[in-house]
Structure formats: C-alpha cells, structure tokens
Amino acid sequence: IWDTAGQERFRSVTHAYYRDAHALLLLYDVTNKASFDKIQAWLTEIHEYAQQDVVLMILGNKV
C-alpha cells in the first residue's frame, strides 16, 4: 500500500505506482469540498497511467 497523501511533491512518483496497481483508493475529506473537487484530476491521471482493468474506489473520510 502506497499513501502519497495527495501531496503535490509526490505527484511525479505516483505514475510509477499506477502501472502495476490492481486497485486504487481515492480518499477525500468530507468536510473539505476542495479535496473532493481534486478527484477529477486524480482520475484523469489514473486513466492515463494505470491499467484499464484497475479497480477504483472513491471514499469520503473524516476521522
């Protein structure tokens, strides 16, 4: 499991992880609309670099 915490400084290395991933979890903060709005950008990147059959799950979280 790789957790980049959505930080911009790790964005360039995430491409390598997409390639062999069987599943990807996208988490957003349910109290922060901006974090949800960024999901589309992540999905665009995933569609570009991940396998077509990768399992995607979008989860709202706030603990």
N, C-alpha and C. Protein backbone atom coordinates (compact mmCIF):
# COMPACT_ATOMS: atom_id res chain seq x y z
N ILE A 1 0.86 -1.17 0.00
CA ILE A 1 0.00 0.00 0.00
C ILE A 1 0.90 1.23 0.00
N TRP A 2 0.63 2.14 -0.92
CA TRP A 2 1.36 3.40 -1.01
C TRP A 2 0.41 4.53 -0.69
N ASP A 3 0.81 5.41 0.19
CA ASP A 3 0.00 6.56 0.57
C ASP A 3 0.79 7.82 0.27
N THR A 4 0.37 8.57 -0.74
CA THR A 4 1.06 9.82 -1.07
C THR A 4 0.39 11.01 -0.42
N ALA A 5 -0.71 10.78 0.27
CA ALA A 5 -1.44 11.83 0.98
C ALA A 5 -1.87 12.96 0.05
N GLY A 6 -1.87 12.71 -1.25
CA GLY A 6 -2.31 13.72 -2.20
C GLY A 6 -1.41 14.93 -2.31
N GLN A 7 -0.22 14.83 -1.73
CA GLN A 7 0.68 15.98 -1.71
C GLN A 7 1.33 16.17 -3.08
N GLU A 8 1.37 17.41 -3.50
CA GLU A 8 1.91 17.77 -4.81
C GLU A 8 3.36 17.31 -4.99
N ARG A 9 4.15 17.33 -3.94
CA ARG A 9 5.56 16.95 -4.07
C ARG A 9 5.76 15.48 -4.41
N PHE A 10 4.75 14.64 -4.18
CA PHE A 10 4.84 13.22 -4.52
C PHE A 10 4.16 12.90 -5.84
N ARG A 11 3.57 13.88 -6.48
CA ARG A 11 2.78 13.65 -7.69
C ARG A 11 3.59 12.98 -8.80
N SER A 12 4.84 13.36 -8.95
CA SER A 12 5.64 12.81 -10.05
C SER A 12 5.98 11.33 -9.86
N VAL A 13 6.05 10.86 -8.63
CA VAL A 13 6.40 9.45 -8.39
C VAL A 13 5.18 8.54 -8.43
N THR A 14 3.99 9.10 -8.34
CA THR A 14 2.79 8.25 -8.32
C THR A 14 2.58 7.52 -9.63
N HIS A 15 3.05 8.08 -10.73
CA HIS A 15 2.86 7.44 -12.05
C HIS A 15 3.44 6.03 -12.05
N ALA A 16 4.58 5.84 -11.43
CA ALA A 16 5.21 4.53 -11.39
C ALA A 16 4.36 3.52 -10.61
N TYR A 17 3.66 3.97 -9.60
CA TYR A 17 2.83 3.08 -8.79
C TYR A 17 1.55 2.67 -9.51
N TYR A 18 1.02 3.54 -10.35
CA TYR A 18 -0.21 3.22 -11.09
C TYR A 18 -0.02 2.02 -12.01
N ARG A 19 1.11 1.93 -12.63
CA ARG A 19 1.36 0.95 -13.69
C ARG A 19 1.04 -0.49 -13.25
N ASP A 20 1.46 -0.90 -12.09
CA ASP A 20 1.26 -2.28 -11.64
C ASP A 20 0.17 -2.43 -10.57
N ALA A 21 -0.59 -1.38 -10.34
CA ALA A 21 -1.62 -1.43 -9.30
C ALA A 21 -2.80 -2.29 -9.74
N HIS A 22 -3.33 -3.05 -8.81
CA HIS A 22 -4.55 -3.83 -9.06
C HIS A 22 -5.78 -3.06 -8.59
N ALA A 23 -5.58 -2.17 -7.63
CA ALA A 23 -6.68 -1.36 -7.11
C ALA A 23 -6.12 -0.03 -6.63
N LEU A 24 -6.96 0.99 -6.73
CA LEU A 24 -6.58 2.33 -6.26
C LEU A 24 -7.71 2.90 -5.42
N LEU A 25 -7.36 3.43 -4.28
CA LEU A 25 -8.32 4.09 -3.40
C LEU A 25 -8.08 5.59 -3.45
N LEU A 26 -9.11 6.34 -3.74
CA LEU A 26 -9.02 7.80 -3.71
C LEU A 26 -9.85 8.27 -2.53
N LEU A 27 -9.20 8.91 -1.58
CA LEU A 27 -9.89 9.40 -0.40
C LEU A 27 -9.97 10.90 -0.42
N TYR A 28 -11.10 11.42 0.00
CA TYR A 28 -11.26 12.86 0.12
C TYR A 28 -11.84 13.17 1.50
N ASP A 29 -11.65 14.39 1.93
CA ASP A 29 -12.12 14.87 3.22
C ASP A 29 -13.56 15.36 3.04
N VAL A 30 -14.51 14.72 3.70
CA VAL A 30 -15.92 15.09 3.54
C VAL A 30 -16.24 16.49 4.06
N THR A 31 -15.32 17.07 4.82
CA THR A 31 -15.54 18.43 5.33
C THR A 31 -14.81 19.47 4.48
N ASN A 32 -14.21 19.04 3.37
CA ASN A 32 -13.42 19.94 2.54
C ASN A 32 -13.77 19.71 1.07
N LYS A 33 -14.63 20.57 0.53
CA LYS A 33 -15.09 20.41 -0.86
C LYS A 33 -13.93 20.43 -1.85
N ALA A 34 -12.91 21.22 -1.59
CA ALA A 34 -11.76 21.30 -2.50
C ALA A 34 -11.10 19.93 -2.66
N SER A 35 -11.04 19.14 -1.59
CA SER A 35 -10.42 17.82 -1.69
C SER A 35 -11.26 16.91 -2.59
N PHE A 36 -12.57 17.04 -2.53
CA PHE A 36 -13.45 16.27 -3.42
C PHE A 36 -13.29 16.74 -4.87
N ASP A 37 -13.19 18.03 -5.07
CA ASP A 37 -13.06 18.59 -6.41
C ASP A 37 -11.78 18.12 -7.11
N LYS A 38 -10.76 17.77 -6.36
CA LYS A 38 -9.49 17.30 -6.94
C LYS A 38 -9.57 15.86 -7.43
N ILE A 39 -10.63 15.15 -7.08
CA ILE A 39 -10.78 13.76 -7.51
C ILE A 39 -10.73 13.64 -9.04
N GLN A 40 -11.35 14.58 -9.75
CA GLN A 40 -11.36 14.50 -11.21
C GLN A 40 -9.94 14.53 -11.78
N ALA A 41 -9.09 15.37 -11.23
CA ALA A 41 -7.70 15.43 -11.71
C ALA A 41 -6.98 14.10 -11.45
N TRP A 42 -7.23 13.51 -10.29
CA TRP A 42 -6.62 12.21 -9.99
C TRP A 42 -7.14 11.15 -10.94
N LEU A 43 -8.43 11.16 -11.24
CA LEU A 43 -8.99 10.17 -12.16
C LEU A 43 -8.40 10.31 -13.56
N THR A 44 -8.21 11.53 -14.00
CA THR A 44 -7.59 11.77 -15.31
C THR A 44 -6.20 11.16 -15.35
N GLU A 45 -5.44 11.37 -14.30
CA GLU A 45 -4.09 10.82 -14.21
C GLU A 45 -4.11 9.29 -14.17
N ILE A 46 -5.02 8.75 -13.41
CA ILE A 46 -5.15 7.29 -13.30
C ILE A 46 -5.48 6.68 -14.66
N HIS A 47 -6.41 7.28 -15.37
CA HIS A 47 -6.79 6.75 -16.69
C HIS A 47 -5.62 6.81 -17.67
N GLU A 48 -4.72 7.75 -17.46
CA GLU A 48 -3.56 7.87 -18.33
C GLU A 48 -2.48 6.83 -18.02
N TYR A 49 -2.27 6.52 -16.75
CA TYR A 49 -1.12 5.70 -16.36
C TYR A 49 -1.46 4.30 -15.85
N ALA A 50 -2.65 4.07 -15.36
CA ALA A 50 -2.99 2.77 -14.77
C ALA A 50 -3.51 1.80 -15.83
N GLN A 51 -3.53 0.52 -15.47
CA GLN A 51 -4.11 -0.50 -16.34
C GLN A 51 -5.61 -0.22 -16.49
N GLN A 52 -6.17 -0.60 -17.62
CA GLN A 52 -7.59 -0.34 -17.87
C GLN A 52 -8.51 -1.10 -16.91
N ASP A 53 -8.05 -2.24 -16.39
CA ASP A 53 -8.89 -3.04 -15.51
C ASP A 53 -8.65 -2.78 -14.03
N VAL A 54 -7.95 -1.70 -13.71
CA VAL A 54 -7.68 -1.38 -12.30
C VAL A 54 -9.01 -1.10 -11.59
N VAL A 55 -9.12 -1.59 -10.37
CA VAL A 55 -10.31 -1.35 -9.56
C VAL A 55 -10.14 0.00 -8.87
N LEU A 56 -11.15 0.85 -9.00
CA LEU A 56 -11.12 2.18 -8.37
C LEU A 56 -12.19 2.27 -7.30
N MET A 57 -11.84 2.90 -6.18
CA MET A 57 -12.81 3.15 -5.13
C MET A 57 -12.59 4.57 -4.63
N ILE A 58 -13.67 5.32 -4.57
CA ILE A 58 -13.62 6.69 -4.03
C ILE A 58 -14.28 6.66 -2.66
N LEU A 59 -13.55 7.13 -1.66
CA LEU A 59 -14.03 7.07 -0.28
C LEU A 59 -14.00 8.45 0.36
N GLY A 60 -15.10 8.82 1.00
CA GLY A 60 -15.13 10.03 1.81
C GLY A 60 -14.71 9.69 3.22
N ASN A 61 -13.87 10.53 3.81
CA ASN A 61 -13.32 10.21 5.12
C ASN A 61 -13.16 11.48 5.96
N LYS A 62 -13.37 11.35 7.21
CA LYS A 62 -13.02 12.39 8.18
C LYS A 62 -13.08 11.73 9.55
N VAL A 63 -11.92 11.53 10.10
CA VAL A 63 -11.85 10.85 11.40
C VAL A 63 -11.49 11.86 12.46
